[in-house]
PDB file of N, CA and C in Angstrom:
ATOM      1  N   MET A   1      63.159 -46.005 -38.552  1.00  0.00           N
ATOM      2  CA  MET A   1      62.182 -45.028 -38.963  1.00  0.00           C
ATOM      3  C   MET A   1      60.915 -45.738 -39.435  1.00  0.00           C
ATOM      4  N   LEU A   2      59.799 -45.283 -38.935  1.00  0.00           N
ATOM      5  CA  LEU A   2      58.527 -45.915 -39.276  1.00  0.00           C
ATOM      6  C   LEU A   2      58.216 -45.816 -40.760  1.00  0.00           C
ATOM      7  N   TYR A   3      58.522 -44.677 -41.365  1.00  0.00           N
ATOM      8  CA  TYR A   3      58.178 -44.491 -42.774  1.00  0.00           C
ATOM      9  C   TYR A   3      58.935 -45.466 -43.674  1.00  0.00           C
ATOM     10  N   GLY A   4      60.071 -45.986 -43.203  1.00  0.00           N
ATOM     11  CA  GLY A   4      60.843 -46.937 -43.983  1.00  0.00           C
ATOM     12  C   GLY A   4      60.119 -48.252 -44.224  1.00  0.00           C
ATOM     13  N   LEU A   5      59.070 -48.495 -43.469  1.00  0.00           N
ATOM     14  CA  LEU A   5      58.302 -49.731 -43.609  1.00  0.00           C
ATOM     15  C   LEU A   5      57.164 -49.607 -44.618  1.00  0.00           C
ATOM     16  N   CYS A   6      57.005 -48.424 -45.221  1.00  0.00           N
ATOM     17  CA  CYS A   6      55.851 -48.206 -46.097  1.00  0.00           C
ATOM     18  C   CYS A   6      55.979 -48.914 -47.442  1.00  0.00           C
ATOM     19  N   GLY A   7      57.209 -49.223 -47.874  1.00  0.00           N
ATOM     20  CA  GLY A   7      57.391 -49.900 -49.152  1.00  0.00           C
ATOM     21  C   GLY A   7      57.391 -48.973 -50.358  1.00  0.00           C
ATOM     22  N   ASN A   8      57.255 -47.675 -50.147  1.00  0.00           N
ATOM     23  CA  ASN A   8      57.244 -46.699 -51.229  1.00  0.00           C
ATOM     24  C   ASN A   8      58.631 -46.063 -51.313  1.00  0.00           C
ATOM     25  N   ALA A   9      59.453 -46.539 -52.257  1.00  0.00           N
ATOM     26  CA  ALA A   9      60.844 -46.090 -52.368  1.00  0.00           C
ATOM     27  C   ALA A   9      60.940 -44.584 -52.615  1.00  0.00           C
ATOM     28  N   CYS A  10      60.044 -44.038 -53.404  1.00  0.00           N
ATOM     29  CA  CYS A  10      60.057 -42.593 -53.696  1.00  0.00           C
ATOM     30  C   CYS A  10      59.775 -41.786 -52.432  1.00  0.00           C
ATOM     31  N   LEU A  11      58.793 -42.207 -51.663  1.00  0.00           N
ATOM     32  CA  LEU A  11      58.460 -41.517 -50.420  1.00  0.00           C
ATOM     33  C   LEU A  11      59.618 -41.604 -49.433  1.00  0.00           C
ATOM     34  N   ILE A  12      60.207 -42.781 -49.314  1.00  0.00           N
ATOM     35  CA  ILE A  12      61.340 -42.963 -48.393  1.00  0.00           C
ATOM     36  C   ILE A  12      62.494 -42.043 -48.785  1.00  0.00           C
ATOM     37  N   GLU A  13      62.810 -41.994 -50.078  1.00  0.00           N
ATOM     38  CA  GLU A  13      63.898 -41.132 -50.548  1.00  0.00           C
ATOM     39  C   GLU A  13      63.593 -39.655 -50.288  1.00  0.00           C
ATOM     40  N   THR A  14      62.362 -39.241 -50.527  1.00  0.00           N
ATOM     41  CA  THR A  14      61.964 -37.843 -50.313  1.00  0.00           C
ATOM     42  C   THR A  14      62.084 -37.461 -48.844  1.00  0.00           C
ATOM     43  N   ILE A  15      61.604 -38.307 -47.967  1.00  0.00           N
ATOM     44  CA  ILE A  15      61.685 -38.023 -46.536  1.00  0.00           C
ATOM     45  C   ILE A  15      63.137 -37.961 -46.095  1.00  0.00           C
ATOM     46  N   ASP A  16      63.962 -38.878 -46.582  1.00  0.00           N
ATOM     47  CA  ASP A  16      65.388 -38.863 -46.237  1.00  0.00           C
ATOM     48  C   ASP A  16      66.060 -37.565 -46.694  1.00  0.00           C
ATOM     49  N   LEU A  17      65.746 -37.116 -47.902  1.00  0.00           N
ATOM     50  CA  LEU A  17      66.332 -35.868 -48.410  1.00  0.00           C
ATOM     51  C   LEU A  17      65.891 -34.662 -47.581  1.00  0.00           C
ATOM     52  N   LEU A  18      64.615 -34.615 -47.248  1.00  0.00           N
ATOM     53  CA  LEU A  18      64.111 -33.503 -46.437  1.00  0.00           C
ATOM     54  C   LEU A  18      64.709 -33.532 -45.036  1.00  0.00           C
ATOM     55  N   ALA A  19      64.886 -34.722 -44.484  1.00  0.00           N
ATOM     56  CA  ALA A  19      65.490 -34.835 -43.153  1.00  0.00           C
ATOM     57  C   ALA A  19      66.912 -34.281 -43.158  1.00  0.00           C
ATOM     58  N   GLN A  20      67.648 -34.515 -44.238  1.00  0.00           N
ATOM     59  CA  GLN A  20      69.010 -33.971 -44.343  1.00  0.00           C
ATOM     60  C   GLN A  20      68.992 -32.447 -44.373  1.00  0.00           C
ATOM     61  N   LYS A  21      67.997 -31.875 -45.044  1.00  0.00           N
ATOM     62  CA  LYS A  21      67.917 -30.421 -45.168  1.00  0.00           C
ATOM     63  C   LYS A  21      67.628 -29.727 -43.834  1.00  0.00           C
ATOM     64  N   VAL A  22      66.899 -30.372 -42.952  1.00  0.00           N
ATOM     65  CA  VAL A  22      66.531 -29.743 -41.676  1.00  0.00           C
ATOM     66  C   VAL A  22      67.371 -30.260 -40.510  1.00  0.00           C
ATOM     67  N   TYR A  23      68.419 -30.994 -40.802  1.00  0.00           N
ATOM     68  CA  TYR A  23      69.229 -31.613 -39.760  1.00  0.00           C
ATOM     69  C   TYR A  23      69.742 -30.601 -38.736  1.00  0.00           C
ATOM     70  N   GLY A  24      70.240 -29.466 -39.187  1.00  0.00           N
ATOM     71  CA  GLY A  24      70.804 -28.468 -38.278  1.00  0.00           C
ATOM     72  C   GLY A  24      69.795 -27.966 -37.264  1.00  0.00           C
ATOM     73  N   ILE A  25      68.625 -27.630 -37.727  1.00  0.00           N
ATOM     74  CA  ILE A  25      67.581 -27.127 -36.828  1.00  0.00           C
ATOM     75  C   ILE A  25      67.129 -28.236 -35.879  1.00  0.00           C
ATOM     76  N   ARG A  26      66.970 -29.449 -36.396  1.00  0.00           N
ATOM     77  CA  ARG A  26      66.532 -30.557 -35.546  1.00  0.00           C
ATOM     78  C   ARG A  26      67.561 -30.873 -34.478  1.00  0.00           C
ATOM     79  N   SER A  27      68.833 -30.848 -34.832  1.00  0.00           N
ATOM     80  CA  SER A  27      69.843 -31.174 -33.826  1.00  0.00           C
ATOM     81  C   SER A  27      69.938 -30.078 -32.774  1.00  0.00           C
ATOM     82  N   TYR A  28      69.772 -28.819 -33.179  1.00  0.00           N
ATOM     83  CA  TYR A  28      69.796 -27.722 -32.208  1.00  0.00           C
ATOM     84  C   TYR A  28      68.580 -27.812 -31.283  1.00  0.00           C
ATOM     85  N   ALA A  29      67.420 -28.093 -31.872  1.00  0.00           N
ATOM     86  CA  ALA A  29      66.200 -28.203 -31.067  1.00  0.00           C
ATOM     87  C   ALA A  29      66.305 -29.351 -30.070  1.00  0.00           C
ATOM     88  N   SER A  30      67.080 -30.376 -30.404  1.00  0.00           N
ATOM     89  CA  SER A  30      67.237 -31.521 -29.506  1.00  0.00           C
ATOM     90  C   SER A  30      67.997 -31.176 -28.236  1.00  0.00           C
ATOM     91  N   ALA A  31      68.621 -30.015 -28.218  1.00  0.00           N
ATOM     92  CA  ALA A  31      69.355 -29.592 -27.019  1.00  0.00           C
ATOM     93  C   ALA A  31      68.404 -29.142 -25.914  1.00  0.00           C
ATOM     94  N   PHE A  32      67.136 -28.988 -26.226  1.00  0.00           N
ATOM     95  CA  PHE A  32      66.157 -28.505 -25.254  1.00  0.00           C
ATOM     96  C   PHE A  32      65.308 -29.671 -24.756  1.00  0.00           C
ATOM     97  N   PRO A  33      65.324 -29.927 -23.459  1.00  0.00           N
ATOM     98  CA  PRO A  33      64.601 -31.083 -22.897  1.00  0.00           C
ATOM     99  C   PRO A  33      63.133 -31.141 -23.302  1.00  0.00           C
ATOM    100  N   GLU A  34      62.466 -29.984 -23.388  1.00  0.00           N
ATOM    101  CA  GLU A  34      61.041 -30.026 -23.736  1.00  0.00           C
ATOM    102  C   GLU A  34      60.828 -30.504 -25.167  1.00  0.00           C
ATOM    103  N   SER A  35      61.766 -30.207 -26.060  1.00  0.00           N
ATOM    104  CA  SER A  35      61.663 -30.686 -27.443  1.00  0.00           C
ATOM    105  C   SER A  35      61.870 -32.193 -27.513  1.00  0.00           C
ATOM    106  N   LEU A  36      62.850 -32.674 -26.782  1.00  0.00           N
ATOM    107  CA  LEU A  36      63.100 -34.118 -26.764  1.00  0.00           C
ATOM    108  C   LEU A  36      61.930 -34.870 -26.146  1.00  0.00           C
ATOM    109  N   ASP A  37      61.363 -34.317 -25.094  1.00  0.00           N
ATOM    110  CA  ASP A  37      60.233 -34.964 -24.432  1.00  0.00           C
ATOM    111  C   ASP A  37      59.027 -35.019 -25.363  1.00  0.00           C
ATOM    112  N   ARG A  38      58.784 -33.920 -26.070  1.00  0.00           N
ATOM    113  CA  ARG A  38      57.657 -33.905 -27.004  1.00  0.00           C
ATOM    114  C   ARG A  38      57.870 -34.932 -28.113  1.00  0.00           C
ATOM    115  N   ALA A  39      59.081 -35.011 -28.665  1.00  0.00           N
ATOM    116  CA  ALA A  39      59.369 -35.970 -29.736  1.00  0.00           C
ATOM    117  C   ALA A  39      59.185 -37.406 -29.237  1.00  0.00           C
ATOM    118  N   ARG A  40      59.645 -37.670 -28.025  1.00  0.00           N
ATOM    119  CA  ARG A  40      59.489 -39.004 -27.452  1.00  0.00           C
ATOM    120  C   ARG A  40      58.012 -39.365 -27.304  1.00  0.00           C
ATOM    121  N   ARG A  41      57.234 -38.443 -26.760  1.00  0.00           N
ATOM    122  CA  ARG A  41      55.791 -38.687 -26.592  1.00  0.00           C
ATOM    123  C   ARG A  41      55.104 -38.880 -27.946  1.00  0.00           C
ATOM    124  N   ASP A  42      55.491 -38.040 -28.931  1.00  0.00           N
ATOM    125  CA  ASP A  42      54.906 -38.162 -30.270  1.00  0.00           C
ATOM    126  C   ASP A  42      55.161 -39.552 -30.844  1.00  0.00           C
ATOM    127  N   HIS A  43      56.402 -40.025 -30.734  1.00  0.00           N
ATOM    128  CA  HIS A  43      56.743 -41.331 -31.293  1.00  0.00           C
ATOM    129  C   HIS A  43      55.970 -42.454 -30.597  1.00  0.00           C
ATOM    130  N   LEU A  44      55.875 -42.385 -29.286  1.00  0.00           N
ATOM    131  CA  LEU A  44      55.108 -43.408 -28.560  1.00  0.00           C
ATOM    132  C   LEU A  44      53.634 -43.388 -28.965  1.00  0.00           C
ATOM    133  N   ASP A  45      53.071 -42.190 -29.108  1.00  0.00           N
ATOM    134  CA  ASP A  45      51.666 -42.082 -29.516  1.00  0.00           C
ATOM    135  C   ASP A  45      51.460 -42.606 -30.937  1.00  0.00           C
ATOM    136  N   MET A  46      52.414 -42.355 -31.834  1.00  0.00           N
ATOM    137  CA  MET A  46      52.295 -42.861 -33.199  1.00  0.00           C
ATOM    138  C   MET A  46      52.357 -44.387 -33.227  1.00  0.00           C
ATOM    139  N   ILE A  47      53.232 -44.965 -32.425  1.00  0.00           N
ATOM    140  CA  ILE A  47      53.334 -46.426 -32.369  1.00  0.00           C
ATOM    141  C   ILE A  47      52.032 -47.028 -31.829  1.00  0.00           C
ATOM    142  N   LYS A  48      51.451 -46.406 -30.800  1.00  0.00           N
ATOM    143  CA  LYS A  48      50.177 -46.892 -30.257  1.00  0.00           C
ATOM    144  C   LYS A  48      49.069 -46.827 -31.312  1.00  0.00           C
ATOM    145  N   ALA A  49      49.047 -45.728 -32.082  1.00  0.00           N
ATOM    146  CA  ALA A  49      48.038 -45.590 -33.142  1.00  0.00           C
ATOM    147  C   ALA A  49      48.241 -46.649 -34.223  1.00  0.00           C
ATOM    148  N   LEU A  50      49.503 -46.922 -34.566  1.00  0.00           N
ATOM    149  CA  LEU A  50      49.791 -47.985 -35.544  1.00  0.00           C
ATOM    150  C   LEU A  50      49.321 -49.340 -35.042  1.00  0.00           C
ATOM    151  N   ARG A  51      49.652 -49.646 -33.811  1.00  0.00           N
ATOM    152  CA  ARG A  51      49.267 -50.948 -33.233  1.00  0.00           C
ATOM    153  C   ARG A  51      47.753 -51.105 -33.164  1.00  0.00           C
ATOM    154  N   GLY A  52      47.065 -49.993 -32.956  1.00  0.00           N
ATOM    155  CA  GLY A  52      45.607 -50.033 -32.863  1.00  0.00           C
ATOM    156  C   GLY A  52      44.899 -49.823 -34.186  1.00  0.00           C
ATOM    157  N   SER A  53      45.669 -49.735 -35.273  1.00  0.00           N
ATOM    158  CA  SER A  53      45.106 -49.526 -36.624  1.00  0.00           C
ATOM    159  C   SER A  53      44.223 -48.284 -36.681  1.00  0.00           C
ATOM    160  N   ARG A  54      44.637 -47.243 -35.969  1.00  0.00           N
ATOM    161  CA  ARG A  54      43.887 -45.984 -35.949  1.00  0.00           C
ATOM    162  C   ARG A  54      44.537 -44.994 -36.925  1.00  0.00           C
ATOM    163  N   ARG A  55      44.182 -45.134 -38.207  1.00  0.00           N
ATOM    164  CA  ARG A  55      44.804 -44.372 -39.281  1.00  0.00           C
ATOM    165  C   ARG A  55      44.639 -42.863 -39.110  1.00  0.00           C
ATOM    166  N   ASP A  56      43.430 -42.407 -38.859  1.00  0.00           N
ATOM    167  CA  ASP A  56      43.185 -40.968 -38.729  1.00  0.00           C
ATOM    168  C   ASP A  56      43.992 -40.362 -37.586  1.00  0.00           C
ATOM    169  N   GLU A  57      44.049 -41.088 -36.475  1.00  0.00           N
ATOM    170  CA  GLU A  57      44.836 -40.617 -35.333  1.00  0.00           C
ATOM    171  C   GLU A  57      46.326 -40.565 -35.699  1.00  0.00           C
ATOM    172  N   LEU A  58      46.800 -41.586 -36.403  1.00  0.00           N
ATOM    173  CA  LEU A  58      48.205 -41.608 -36.827  1.00  0.00           C
ATOM    174  C   LEU A  58      48.524 -40.426 -37.739  1.00  0.00           C
ATOM    175  N   LEU A  59      47.633 -40.130 -38.673  1.00  0.00           N
ATOM    176  CA  LEU A  59      47.853 -38.987 -39.573  1.00  0.00           C
ATOM    177  C   LEU A  59      47.909 -37.678 -38.791  1.00  0.00           C
ATOM    178  N   ALA A  60      46.984 -37.500 -37.861  1.00  0.00           N
ATOM    179  CA  ALA A  60      46.971 -36.265 -37.061  1.00  0.00           C
ATOM    180  C   ALA A  60      48.235 -36.150 -36.217  1.00  0.00           C
ATOM    181  N   LEU A  61      48.643 -37.249 -35.598  1.00  0.00           N
ATOM    182  CA  LEU A  61      49.860 -37.231 -34.773  1.00  0.00           C
ATOM    183  C   LEU A  61      51.099 -36.935 -35.615  1.00  0.00           C
ATOM    184  N   THR A  62      51.167 -37.544 -36.792  1.00  0.00           N
ATOM    185  CA  THR A  62      52.321 -37.332 -37.666  1.00  0.00           C
ATOM    186  C   THR A  62      52.382 -35.893 -38.133  1.00  0.00           C
ATOM    187  N   ARG A  63      51.246 -35.339 -38.519  1.00  0.00           N
ATOM    188  CA  ARG A  63      51.219 -33.926 -38.948  1.00  0.00           C
ATOM    189  C   ARG A  63      51.672 -33.005 -37.811  1.00  0.00           C
ATOM    190  N   ARG A  64      51.163 -33.257 -36.613  1.00  0.00           N
ATOM    191  CA  ARG A  64      51.562 -32.438 -35.466  1.00  0.00           C
ATOM    192  C   ARG A  64      53.054 -32.575 -35.195  1.00  0.00           C
ATOM    193  N   HIS A  65      53.554 -33.793 -35.301  1.00  0.00           N
ATOM    194  CA  HIS A  65      54.973 -34.049 -35.037  1.00  0.00           C
ATOM    195  C   HIS A  65      55.871 -33.343 -36.049  1.00  0.00           C
ATOM    196  N   LEU A  66      55.428 -33.275 -37.279  1.00  0.00           N
ATOM    197  CA  LEU A  66      56.259 -32.691 -38.334  1.00  0.00           C
ATOM    198  C   LEU A  66      56.106 -31.177 -38.466  1.00  0.00           C
ATOM    199  N   ASN A  67      55.139 -30.603 -37.772  1.00  0.00           N
ATOM    200  CA  ASN A  67      54.973 -29.144 -37.836  1.00  0.00           C
ATOM    201  C   ASN A  67      56.234 -28.457 -37.328  1.00  0.00           C
ATOM    202  N   PRO A  68      56.587 -27.348 -37.963  1.00  0.00           N
ATOM    203  CA  PRO A  68      57.753 -26.611 -37.456  1.00  0.00           C
ATOM    204  C   PRO A  68      57.522 -26.179 -36.020  1.00  0.00           C
ATOM    205  N   ARG A  69      58.566 -26.167 -35.255  1.00  0.00           N
ATOM    206  CA  ARG A  69      58.493 -25.753 -33.865  1.00  0.00           C
ATOM    207  C   ARG A  69      59.104 -24.356 -33.770  1.00  0.00           C
ATOM    208  N   PRO A  70      58.268 -23.335 -33.783  1.00  0.00           N
ATOM    209  CA  PRO A  70      58.806 -21.973 -33.821  1.00  0.00           C
ATOM    210  C   PRO A  70      59.662 -21.603 -32.625  1.00  0.00           C
ATOM    211  N   ARG A  71      59.409 -22.202 -31.482  1.00  0.00           N
ATOM    212  CA  ARG A  71      60.178 -21.821 -30.297  1.00  0.00           C
ATOM    213  C   ARG A  71      61.672 -22.131 -30.441  1.00  0.00           C
ATOM    214  N   PRO A  72      62.050 -23.380 -30.776  1.00  0.00           N
ATOM    215  CA  PRO A  72      63.482 -23.619 -30.959  1.00  0.00           C
ATOM    216  C   PRO A  72      64.072 -22.828 -32.110  1.00  0.00           C
ATOM    217  N   ILE A  73      63.313 -22.636 -33.189  1.00  0.00           N
ATOM    218  CA  ILE A  73      63.832 -21.875 -34.323  1.00  0.00           C
ATOM    219  C   ILE A  73      64.085 -20.434 -33.906  1.00  0.00           C
ATOM    220  N   SER A  74      63.188 -19.848 -33.107  1.00  0.00           N
ATOM    221  CA  SER A  74      63.415 -18.479 -32.643  1.00  0.00           C
ATOM    222  C   SER A  74      64.619 -18.423 -31.721  1.00  0.00           C
ATOM    223  N   ARG A  75      64.864 -19.503 -30.972  1.00  0.00           N
ATOM    224  CA  ARG A  75      66.056 -19.543 -30.120  1.00  0.00           C
ATOM    225  C   ARG A  75      67.322 -19.526 -30.968  1.00  0.00           C
ATOM    226  N   ILE A  76      67.301 -20.241 -32.092  1.00  0.00           N
ATOM    227  CA  ILE A  76      68.458 -20.252 -32.988  1.00  0.00           C
ATOM    228  C   ILE A  76      68.711 -18.848 -33.507  1.00  0.00           C
ATOM    229  N   THR A  77      67.652 -18.202 -33.970  1.00  0.00           N
ATOM    230  CA  THR A  77      67.787 -16.857 -34.511  1.00  0.00           C
ATOM    231  C   THR A  77      68.296 -15.894 -33.451  1.00  0.00           C
ATOM    232  N   ASN A  78      67.705 -15.948 -32.269  1.00  0.00           N
ATOM    233  CA  ASN A  78      68.116 -15.043 -31.196  1.00  0.00           C
ATOM    234  C   ASN A  78      69.551 -15.312 -30.767  1.00  0.00           C
ATOM    235  N   ALA A  79      69.940 -16.582 -30.737  1.00  0.00           N
ATOM    236  CA  ALA A  79      71.307 -16.915 -30.332  1.00  0.00           C
ATOM    237  C   ALA A  79      72.311 -16.410 -31.348  1.00  0.00           C
ATOM    238  N   GLY A  80      71.959 -16.471 -32.626  1.00  0.00           N
ATOM    239  CA  GLY A  80      72.899 -16.066 -33.672  1.00  0.00           C
ATOM    240  C   GLY A  80      72.911 -14.582 -33.955  1.00  0.00           C
ATOM    241  N   PHE A  81      71.744 -13.940 -33.844  1.00  0.00           N
ATOM    242  CA  PHE A  81      71.633 -12.559 -34.268  1.00  0.00           C
ATOM    243  C   PHE A  81      71.109 -11.621 -33.189  1.00  0.00           C
ATOM    244  N   GLY A  82      70.699 -12.141 -32.067  1.00  0.00           N
ATOM    245  CA  GLY A  82      70.106 -11.318 -31.034  1.00  0.00           C
ATOM    246  C   GLY A  82      68.654 -11.031 -31.354  1.00  0.00           C
ATOM    247  N   LYS A  83      67.926 -10.571 -30.375  1.00  0.00           N
ATOM    248  CA  LYS A  83      66.524 -10.250 -30.592  1.00  0.00           C
ATOM    249  C   LYS A  83      66.412  -8.969 -31.396  1.00  0.00           C
ATOM    250  N   ALA A  84      65.500  -8.988 -32.347  1.00  0.00           N
ATOM    251  CA  ALA A  84      65.285  -7.807 -33.176  1.00  0.00           C
ATOM    252  C   ALA A  84      64.268  -6.898 -32.506  1.00  0.00           C
ATOM    253  N   ASP A  85      64.536  -5.615 -32.512  1.00  0.00           N
ATOM    254  CA  ASP A  85      63.574  -4.644 -32.027  1.00  0.00           C
ATOM    255  C   ASP A  85      62.776  -4.176 -33.227  1.00  0.00           C
ATOM    256  N   LEU A  86      61.541  -4.658 -33.327  1.00  0.00           N
ATOM    257  CA  LEU A  86      60.719  -4.352 -34.502  1.00  0.00           C
ATOM    258  C   LEU A  86      59.862  -3.117 -34.314  1.00  0.00           C
ATOM    259  N   ALA A  87      59.989  -2.441 -33.192  1.00  0.00           N
ATOM    260  CA  ALA A  87      59.205  -1.226 -32.968  1.00  0.00           C
ATOM    261  C   ALA A  87      59.737  -0.137 -33.895  1.00  0.00           C
ATOM    262  N   PRO A  88      58.849   0.680 -34.446  1.00  0.00           N
ATOM    263  CA  PRO A  88      59.291   1.754 -35.339  1.00  0.00           C
ATOM    264  C   PRO A  88      60.128   2.773 -34.582  1.00  0.00           C
ATOM    265  N   ALA A  89      61.117   3.293 -35.272  1.00  0.00           N
ATOM    266  CA  ALA A  89      61.983   4.336 -34.665  1.00  0.00           C
ATOM    267  C   ALA A  89      61.173   5.602 -34.450  1.00  0.00           C
ATOM    268  N   GLN A  90      61.454   6.284 -33.342  1.00  0.00           N
ATOM    269  CA  GLN A  90      60.696   7.511 -33.063  1.00  0.00           C
ATOM    270  C   GLN A  90      61.591   8.707 -33.143  1.00  0.00           C
TER     271      GLN A  90
END
């Protein structure tokens, strides 16, 4: 993990704890090829930004990578509970 190289023990511990909390959603999302492909591309782009000392680009890439992915999460909800019909009853 790239963040493990930062030397900030508190930050490393916080990220590890948060990663444990979202493990279920992340592992389910990994079942979808487009999610895995995006994660792979994100990691490669972050490494390139690190190698090029492009801090602002690295921050933007990391933020984008960590944003929730509503598509896989909606798939989890739909798989477990079915699609909700939110139209008002007539």
